[in-house]
C-alpha atoms as a PDB file:
ATOM      1  CA  MET A   1      24.571   3.809   2.727  1.00  0.00           C
ATOM      2  CA  GLN A   2      21.739   1.376   3.447  1.00  0.00           C
ATOM      3  CA  LYS A   3      22.667  -2.189   4.364  1.00  0.00           C
ATOM      4  CA  VAL A   4      20.667  -4.668   2.269  1.00  0.00           C
ATOM      5  CA  LEU A   5      20.349  -8.405   2.897  1.00  0.00           C
ATOM      6  CA  LEU A   6      18.881 -11.145   0.699  1.00  0.00           C
ATOM      7  CA  ILE A   7      17.226 -13.838   2.821  1.00  0.00           C
ATOM      8  CA  ILE A   8      17.057 -17.145   0.939  1.00  0.00           C
ATOM      9  CA  PRO A   9      15.035 -19.910   2.625  1.00  0.00           C
ATOM     10  CA  ALA A  10      16.105 -23.257   1.226  1.00  0.00           C
ATOM     11  CA  TYR A  11      14.709 -26.736   1.776  1.00  0.00           C
ATOM     12  CA  ASN A  12      16.173 -29.493  -0.380  1.00  0.00           C
ATOM     13  CA  GLU A  13      17.500 -27.074  -3.002  1.00  0.00           C
ATOM     14  CA  GLN A  14      20.776 -28.875  -3.771  1.00  0.00           C
ATOM     15  CA  ASP A  15      20.162 -28.595  -7.526  1.00  0.00           C
ATOM     16  CA  ASN A  16      19.448 -24.853  -7.423  1.00  0.00           C
ATOM     17  CA  ILE A  17      21.167 -23.086  -4.556  1.00  0.00           C
ATOM     18  CA  LEU A  18      24.676 -22.712  -5.988  1.00  0.00           C
ATOM     19  CA  ASN A  19      23.402 -21.463  -9.336  1.00  0.00           C
ATOM     20  CA  VAL A  20      21.074 -18.985  -7.596  1.00  0.00           C
ATOM     21  CA  TYR A  21      23.945 -17.674  -5.472  1.00  0.00           C
ATOM     22  CA  LYS A  22      26.253 -17.323  -8.480  1.00  0.00           C
ATOM     23  CA  LYS A  23      23.600 -15.373 -10.406  1.00  0.00           C
ATOM     24  CA  ILE A  24      23.163 -12.994  -7.473  1.00  0.00           C
ATOM     25  CA  LYS A  25      26.860 -12.344  -7.170  1.00  0.00           C
ATOM     26  CA  LYS A  26      27.278 -11.962 -10.927  1.00  0.00           C
ATOM     27  CA  GLU A  27      24.582  -9.286 -10.980  1.00  0.00           C
ATOM     28  CA  ASP A  28      25.809  -7.468  -7.858  1.00  0.00           C
ATOM     29  CA  SER A  29      28.850  -8.758  -6.009  1.00  0.00           C
ATOM     30  CA  THR A  30      28.226  -6.338  -3.122  1.00  0.00           C
ATOM     31  CA  LEU A  31      24.831  -7.783  -2.134  1.00  0.00           C
ATOM     32  CA  ASP A  32      24.859  -9.603   1.195  1.00  0.00           C
ATOM     33  CA  VAL A  33      23.176 -13.004   1.235  1.00  0.00           C
ATOM     34  CA  ILE A  34      22.135 -15.391   3.978  1.00  0.00           C
ATOM     35  CA  VAL A  35      20.783 -18.828   3.106  1.00  0.00           C
ATOM     36  CA  ILE A  36      18.540 -20.394   5.734  1.00  0.00           C
ATOM     37  CA  ASN A  37      19.026 -24.127   5.288  1.00  0.00           C
ATOM     38  CA  ASP A  38      15.694 -25.317   6.660  1.00  0.00           C
ATOM     39  CA  GLY A  39      16.682 -28.778   7.856  1.00  0.00           C
ATOM     40  CA  SER A  40      17.286 -30.015   4.317  1.00  0.00           C
ATOM     41  CA  LYS A  41      17.611 -33.761   3.897  1.00  0.00           C
ATOM     42  CA  ASP A  42      19.718 -33.450   0.752  1.00  0.00           C
ATOM     43  CA  ASN A  43      23.105 -31.758   0.183  1.00  0.00           C
ATOM     44  CA  THR A  44      21.901 -28.151   0.331  1.00  0.00           C
ATOM     45  CA  GLY A  45      23.862 -27.458   3.520  1.00  0.00           C
ATOM     46  CA  SER A  46      27.096 -29.097   2.433  1.00  0.00           C
ATOM     47  CA  ILE A  47      26.965 -27.281  -0.940  1.00  0.00           C
ATOM     48  CA  CYS A  48      26.646 -23.966   0.897  1.00  0.00           C
ATOM     49  CA  ASP A  49      29.544 -24.802   3.192  1.00  0.00           C
ATOM     50  CA  LYS A  50      31.765 -26.112   0.397  1.00  0.00           C
ATOM     51  CA  ASN A  51      31.213 -22.988  -1.693  1.00  0.00           C
ATOM     52  CA  LYS A  52      31.445 -20.569   1.255  1.00  0.00           C
ATOM     53  CA  ILE A  53      27.862 -19.392   0.836  1.00  0.00           C
ATOM     54  CA  PRO A  54      26.792 -17.643   4.067  1.00  0.00           C
ATOM     55  CA  CYS A  55      24.325 -20.011   5.674  1.00  0.00           C
ATOM     56  CA  VAL A  56      22.385 -20.661   8.860  1.00  0.00           C
ATOM     57  CA  HIS A  57      21.726 -24.369   9.345  1.00  0.00           C
ATOM     58  CA  LEU A  58      18.470 -25.231  11.096  1.00  0.00           C
ATOM     59  CA  ILE A  59      18.490 -28.622  12.795  1.00  0.00           C
ATOM     60  CA  HIS A  60      14.795 -29.210  12.148  1.00  0.00           C
ATOM     61  CA  ASN A  61      12.562 -28.206   9.255  1.00  0.00           C
ATOM     62  CA  LEU A  62      10.561 -25.176  10.427  1.00  0.00           C
ATOM     63  CA  GLY A  63       8.728 -24.549   7.180  1.00  0.00           C
ATOM     64  CA  ILE A  64       8.831 -21.386   5.088  1.00  0.00           C
ATOM     65  CA  GLY A  65       7.550 -19.115   7.865  1.00  0.00           C
ATOM     66  CA  GLY A  66      10.073 -20.278  10.444  1.00  0.00           C
ATOM     67  CA  ALA A  67      12.948 -20.209   7.969  1.00  0.00           C
ATOM     68  CA  VAL A  68      12.171 -16.678   6.799  1.00  0.00           C
ATOM     69  CA  GLN A  69      11.730 -15.471  10.383  1.00  0.00           C
ATOM     70  CA  THR A  70      15.192 -16.856  11.132  1.00  0.00           C
ATOM     71  CA  GLY A  71      16.450 -14.659   8.295  1.00  0.00           C
ATOM     72  CA  TYR A  72      14.739 -11.621   9.804  1.00  0.00           C
ATOM     73  CA  LYS A  73      16.298 -12.379  13.182  1.00  0.00           C
ATOM     74  CA  TYR A  74      19.694 -12.495  11.453  1.00  0.00           C
ATOM     75  CA  ALA A  75      18.975  -9.199   9.685  1.00  0.00           C
ATOM     76  CA  LYS A  76      17.957  -7.535  12.938  1.00  0.00           C
ATOM     77  CA  GLU A  77      20.990  -8.792  14.849  1.00  0.00           C
ATOM     78  CA  HIS A  78      23.363  -7.673  12.090  1.00  0.00           C
ATOM     79  CA  ASN A  79      21.777  -4.220  11.746  1.00  0.00           C
ATOM     80  CA  TYR A  80      20.462  -4.433   8.198  1.00  0.00           C
ATOM     81  CA  ASP A  81      18.276  -1.572   6.990  1.00  0.00           C
ATOM     82  CA  ILE A  82      16.457  -3.548   4.275  1.00  0.00           C
ATOM     83  CA  ALA A  83      15.788  -7.280   4.018  1.00  0.00           C
ATOM     84  CA  ILE A  84      14.568  -9.025   0.866  1.00  0.00           C
ATOM     85  CA  GLN A  85      12.996 -12.462   0.708  1.00  0.00           C
ATOM     86  CA  PHE A  86      14.407 -14.308  -2.278  1.00  0.00           C
ATOM     87  CA  ASP A  87      13.563 -17.856  -3.342  1.00  0.00           C
ATOM     88  CA  GLY A  88      16.261 -20.491  -3.566  1.00  0.00           C
ATOM     89  CA  ASP A  89      14.658 -22.266  -6.521  1.00  0.00           C
ATOM     90  CA  GLY A  90      15.553 -19.857  -9.335  1.00  0.00           C
ATOM     91  CA  GLN A  91      12.129 -18.201  -9.636  1.00  0.00           C
ATOM     92  CA  HIS A  92      13.269 -14.713  -8.629  1.00  0.00           C
ATOM     93  CA  ASP A  93      15.520 -12.445 -10.674  1.00  0.00           C
ATOM     94  CA  VAL A  94      18.059 -10.396  -8.748  1.00  0.00           C
ATOM     95  CA  LYS A  95      18.070  -7.655 -11.394  1.00  0.00           C
ATOM     96  CA  TYR A  96      14.783  -6.412  -9.878  1.00  0.00           C
ATOM     97  CA  VAL A  97      16.335  -5.733  -6.463  1.00  0.00           C
ATOM     98  CA  PRO A  98      16.994  -2.002  -7.156  1.00  0.00           C
ATOM     99  CA  LYS A  99      13.385  -1.602  -8.307  1.00  0.00           C
ATOM    100  CA  LEU A 100      12.154  -3.422  -5.206  1.00  0.00           C
ATOM    101  CA  ILE A 101      14.050  -1.323  -2.691  1.00  0.00           C
ATOM    102  CA  LYS A 102      13.610   2.074  -4.379  1.00  0.00           C
ATOM    103  CA  PRO A 103      10.295   2.961  -2.644  1.00  0.00           C
ATOM    104  CA  ILE A 104      11.822   2.027   0.713  1.00  0.00           C
ATOM    105  CA  LEU A 105      14.895   4.163   0.095  1.00  0.00           C
ATOM    106  CA  LYS A 106      12.582   7.061  -0.821  1.00  0.00           C
ATOM    107  CA  LYS A 107      10.551   6.491   2.396  1.00  0.00           C
ATOM    108  CA  GLU A 108       7.446   5.800   0.317  1.00  0.00           C
ATOM    109  CA  ALA A 109       6.814   2.256   1.596  1.00  0.00           C
ATOM    110  CA  ASN A 110       7.597  -0.096   4.461  1.00  0.00           C
ATOM    111  CA  MET A 111       7.167  -3.182   2.299  1.00  0.00           C
ATOM    112  CA  VAL A 112       7.463  -3.632  -1.454  1.00  0.00           C
ATOM    113  CA  ILE A 113       6.152  -6.759  -3.162  1.00  0.00           C
ATOM    114  CA  GLY A 114       7.445  -7.998  -6.500  1.00  0.00           C
ATOM    115  CA  SER A 115       4.251  -8.666  -8.440  1.00  0.00           C
ATOM    116  CA  ARG A 116       3.489 -10.769 -11.521  1.00  0.00           C
ATOM    117  CA  PHE A 117      -0.026  -9.375 -11.814  1.00  0.00           C
ATOM    118  CA  ILE A 118       0.164  -5.613 -11.352  1.00  0.00           C
ATOM    119  CA  ASP A 119       0.039  -5.242 -15.127  1.00  0.00           C
ATOM    120  CA  LYS A 120      -0.456  -7.683 -18.001  1.00  0.00           C
ATOM    121  CA  THR A 121       3.159  -7.477 -19.148  1.00  0.00           C
ATOM    122  CA  SER A 122       4.750  -8.003 -15.708  1.00  0.00           C
ATOM    123  CA  SER A 123       5.723 -11.627 -16.150  1.00  0.00           C
ATOM    124  CA  ASP A 124       5.318 -14.370 -18.749  1.00  0.00           C
ATOM    125  CA  PHE A 125       5.297 -16.953 -15.945  1.00  0.00           C
ATOM    126  CA  LYS A 126       2.194 -16.478 -13.795  1.00  0.00           C
ATOM    127  CA  SER A 127       1.793 -19.941 -12.187  1.00  0.00           C
ATOM    128  CA  SER A 128      -1.027 -22.394 -12.906  1.00  0.00           C
ATOM    129  CA  ALA A 129      -4.579 -21.301 -13.714  1.00  0.00           C
ATOM    130  CA  ALA A 130      -5.844 -22.799 -10.448  1.00  0.00           C
ATOM    131  CA  ARG A 131      -3.312 -20.883  -8.378  1.00  0.00           C
ATOM    132  CA  ARG A 132      -4.062 -17.654 -10.237  1.00  0.00           C
ATOM    133  CA  ILE A 133      -7.744 -18.042  -9.356  1.00  0.00           C
ATOM    134  CA  GLY A 134      -6.769 -18.709  -5.753  1.00  0.00           C
ATOM    135  CA  ILE A 135      -4.582 -15.610  -5.664  1.00  0.00           C
ATOM    136  CA  LYS A 136      -7.470 -13.474  -6.953  1.00  0.00           C
ATOM    137  CA  VAL A 137      -9.802 -14.847  -4.295  1.00  0.00           C
ATOM    138  CA  ILE A 138      -7.225 -14.221  -1.542  1.00  0.00           C
ATOM    139  CA  SER A 139      -6.716 -10.715  -2.945  1.00  0.00           C
ATOM    140  CA  PHE A 140     -10.456 -10.065  -2.638  1.00  0.00           C
ATOM    141  CA  PHE A 141     -10.476 -11.021   1.038  1.00  0.00           C
ATOM    142  CA  ILE A 142      -7.356  -8.997   1.849  1.00  0.00           C
ATOM    143  CA  LYS A 143      -9.029  -5.950   0.310  1.00  0.00           C
ATOM    144  CA  LEU A 144     -12.222  -6.741   2.238  1.00  0.00           C
ATOM    145  CA  ILE A 145     -10.270  -6.752   5.508  1.00  0.00           C
ATOM    146  CA  THR A 146      -7.793  -3.932   4.855  1.00  0.00           C
ATOM    147  CA  GLY A 147      -9.229  -1.794   2.074  1.00  0.00           C
ATOM    148  CA  LYS A 148      -6.003  -2.278   0.112  1.00  0.00           C
ATOM    149  CA  LYS A 149      -5.748  -4.210  -3.170  1.00  0.00           C
ATOM    150  CA  ILE A 150      -2.782  -6.593  -3.292  1.00  0.00           C
ATOM    151  CA  TYR A 151      -2.417  -8.289  -6.664  1.00  0.00           C
ATOM    152  CA  ASP A 152       0.282 -10.909  -6.037  1.00  0.00           C
ATOM    153  CA  THR A 153      -0.767 -12.094  -2.595  1.00  0.00           C
ATOM    154  CA  THR A 154       1.553 -15.107  -2.411  1.00  0.00           C
ATOM    155  CA  SER A 155       4.690 -13.524  -3.862  1.00  0.00           C
ATOM    156  CA  GLY A 156       7.751 -14.454  -1.847  1.00  0.00           C
ATOM    157  CA  PHE A 157       9.819 -11.724  -3.515  1.00  0.00           C
ATOM    158  CA  ARG A 158       9.447  -8.914  -0.961  1.00  0.00           C
ATOM    159  CA  ALA A 159      11.556  -6.154   0.545  1.00  0.00           C
ATOM    160  CA  VAL A 160      10.945  -4.627   3.978  1.00  0.00           C
ATOM    161  CA  ASP A 161      12.429  -1.730   5.912  1.00  0.00           C
ATOM    162  CA  ARG A 162      14.103  -1.767   9.319  1.00  0.00           C
ATOM    163  CA  SER A 163      10.850  -1.341  11.243  1.00  0.00           C
ATOM    164  CA  LEU A 164       9.391  -4.493   9.697  1.00  0.00           C
ATOM    165  CA  ILE A 165      12.659  -6.387  10.035  1.00  0.00           C
ATOM    166  CA  CYS A 166      12.401  -5.813  13.785  1.00  0.00           C
ATOM    167  CA  GLN A 167       8.711  -6.714  13.894  1.00  0.00           C
ATOM    168  CA  PHE A 168       9.049  -9.863  11.795  1.00  0.00           C
ATOM    169  CA  ALA A 169      12.055 -10.997  13.823  1.00  0.00           C
ATOM    170  CA  GLU A 170       9.754 -11.169  16.845  1.00  0.00           C
ATOM    171  CA  ASP A 171       6.415 -12.105  15.269  1.00  0.00           C
ATOM    172  CA  TYR A 172       6.013 -13.767  11.884  1.00  0.00           C
ATOM    173  CA  PRO A 173       3.317 -16.192  10.667  1.00  0.00           C
ATOM    174  CA  LEU A 174       4.518 -19.768  10.468  1.00  0.00           C
ATOM    175  CA  GLU A 175       1.732 -20.756   8.072  1.00  0.00           C
ATOM    176  CA  TYR A 176       0.775 -18.861   4.897  1.00  0.00           C
ATOM    177  CA  PRO A 177       3.296 -16.163   5.834  1.00  0.00           C
ATOM    178  CA  GLU A 178       3.072 -13.906   2.772  1.00  0.00           C
ATOM    179  CA  PRO A 179      -0.690 -13.181   2.650  1.00  0.00           C
ATOM    180  CA  VAL A 180      -1.114 -13.278   6.428  1.00  0.00           C
ATOM    181  CA  SER A 181       1.821 -10.988   7.245  1.00  0.00           C
ATOM    182  CA  THR A 182       0.767  -8.578   4.489  1.00  0.00           C
ATOM    183  CA  THR A 183      -2.737  -8.425   5.937  1.00  0.00           C
ATOM    184  CA  GLU A 184      -1.388  -7.885   9.444  1.00  0.00           C
ATOM    185  CA  ILE A 185       0.863  -4.969   8.546  1.00  0.00           C
ATOM    186  CA  LEU A 186      -1.804  -3.324   6.387  1.00  0.00           C
ATOM    187  CA  LYS A 187      -4.124  -3.456   9.400  1.00  0.00           C
ATOM    188  CA  GLN A 188      -1.352  -1.728  11.368  1.00  0.00           C
ATOM    189  CA  ASN A 189      -1.231   1.065   8.748  1.00  0.00           C
ATOM    190  CA  PHE A 190       2.179   0.214   7.341  1.00  0.00           C
ATOM    191  CA  ILE A 191       2.558   1.213   3.695  1.00  0.00           C
ATOM    192  CA  VAL A 192       2.752  -1.624   1.158  1.00  0.00           C
ATOM    193  CA  GLN A 193       3.500  -1.130  -2.527  1.00  0.00           C
ATOM    194  CA  GLU A 194       3.773  -3.542  -5.441  1.00  0.00           C
ATOM    195  CA  VAL A 195       6.187  -3.221  -8.338  1.00  0.00           C
ATOM    196  CA  PRO A 196       6.027  -5.290 -11.538  1.00  0.00           C
ATOM    197  CA  VAL A 197       8.612  -8.047 -11.852  1.00  0.00           C
ATOM    198  CA  SER A 198       9.108 -11.044 -14.080  1.00  0.00           C
ATOM    199  CA  MET A 199       9.447 -14.463 -12.475  1.00  0.00           C
ATOM    200  CA  ASN A 200      10.689 -17.782 -13.768  1.00  0.00           C
ATOM    201  CA  GLU A 201       9.483 -21.337 -13.333  1.00  0.00           C
ATOM    202  CA  ARG A 202      11.430 -23.414 -10.827  1.00  0.00           C
ATOM    203  CA  GLU A 203      14.701 -24.569 -12.376  1.00  0.00           C
ATOM    204  CA  THR A 204      14.362 -28.025 -10.788  1.00  0.00           C
ATOM    205  CA  GLY A 205      12.509 -29.665  -7.921  1.00  0.00           C
ATOM    206  CA  VAL A 206       8.922 -29.399  -6.738  1.00  0.00           C
ATOM    207  CA  SER A 207       6.989 -26.495  -5.268  1.00  0.00           C
ATOM    208  CA  SER A 208       5.970 -26.755  -1.611  1.00  0.00           C
ATOM    209  CA  ILE A 209       2.367 -26.085  -2.685  1.00  0.00           C
ATOM    210  CA  ARG A 210       1.239 -29.137  -4.633  1.00  0.00           C
ATOM    211  CA  ALA A 211      -1.653 -28.999  -7.116  1.00  0.00           C
ATOM    212  CA  TRP A 212      -3.915 -31.201  -4.979  1.00  0.00           C
ATOM    213  CA  LYS A 213      -3.469 -28.835  -2.063  1.00  0.00           C
ATOM    214  CA  ASN A 214      -4.546 -25.677  -3.891  1.00  0.00           C
ATOM    215  CA  ILE A 215      -8.166 -25.598  -2.676  1.00  0.00           C
ATOM    216  CA  TYR A 216      -7.160 -26.590   0.858  1.00  0.00           C
ATOM    217  CA  TYR A 217      -4.432 -23.929   0.795  1.00  0.00           C
ATOM    218  CA  MET A 218      -6.786 -21.213  -0.456  1.00  0.00           C
ATOM    219  CA  ILE A 219      -9.483 -21.973   2.137  1.00  0.00           C
ATOM    220  CA  ASN A 220      -6.977 -21.924   4.981  1.00  0.00           C
ATOM    221  CA  VAL A 221      -5.366 -18.702   3.779  1.00  0.00           C
ATOM    222  CA  ILE A 222      -8.772 -17.032   3.615  1.00  0.00           C
ATOM    223  CA  LEU A 223      -9.619 -18.213   7.134  1.00  0.00           C
ATOM    224  CA  SER A 224      -6.248 -16.962   8.394  1.00  0.00           C
ATOM    225  CA  VAL A 225      -6.785 -13.561   6.743  1.00  0.00           C
ATOM    226  CA  LEU A 226     -10.272 -13.293   8.261  1.00  0.00           C
ATOM    227  CA  ILE A 227      -8.872 -14.139  11.694  1.00  0.00           C
ATOM    228  CA  VAL A 228      -6.361 -11.293  11.320  1.00  0.00           C
ATOM    229  CA  GLY A 229      -9.266  -8.961  10.515  1.00  0.00           C
ATOM    230  CA  VAL A 230     -11.183 -10.013  13.616  1.00  0.00           C
ATOM    231  CA  ARG A 231      -8.131  -9.918  15.874  1.00  0.00           C
ATOM    232  CA  ARG A 232      -7.028  -6.469  14.724  1.00  0.00           C
ATOM    233  CA  LYS A 233     -10.428  -4.761  15.143  1.00  0.00           C
END
């Protein structure tokens, strides 16, 4: 029996985190969860403690990369076979977890990405037009560097096997972690698959990637991906 862990990075998610946790447990009460409270300034931490939600409290805000890496360290130390990144804002649907881990269980992939774009019917919610353009551009550069087409380059809904749990626990990008880490492992010849999933808009709160930052974000992701290509030659 494979041990599976949901890693939920959470920064100022007091309005979402309890509802997200309840939905997970309603769908599958056996799923293990660890919330990484990334130095939240609101009541995210106290809500987790009050409701006995398993939680690691970070003293300082490390950002999404540092918070997720903390989750991978936890997964490694507690001997999990599969770890799944899962947003704390209500965007991800736990019913897709079996679909996400199936290729890993069948030894067909080391990482599986939940994708909104792998087919036209994957998800009604596909983010803003500007971000979709950015994702396509990032996808082009990842394919240029690795030879592999990744459709949903910024998806934070991802499952990895034990080998990548151990690797990410030691080395994980602090900035732009999803596209950069995907590029890195593709360059190392790990197998990455995408499966279609539906995602939701945030239930409340504000995304960490603001509209005015989209162009800046895209340029920096592309530069980071290109650096991976040069470094891994």
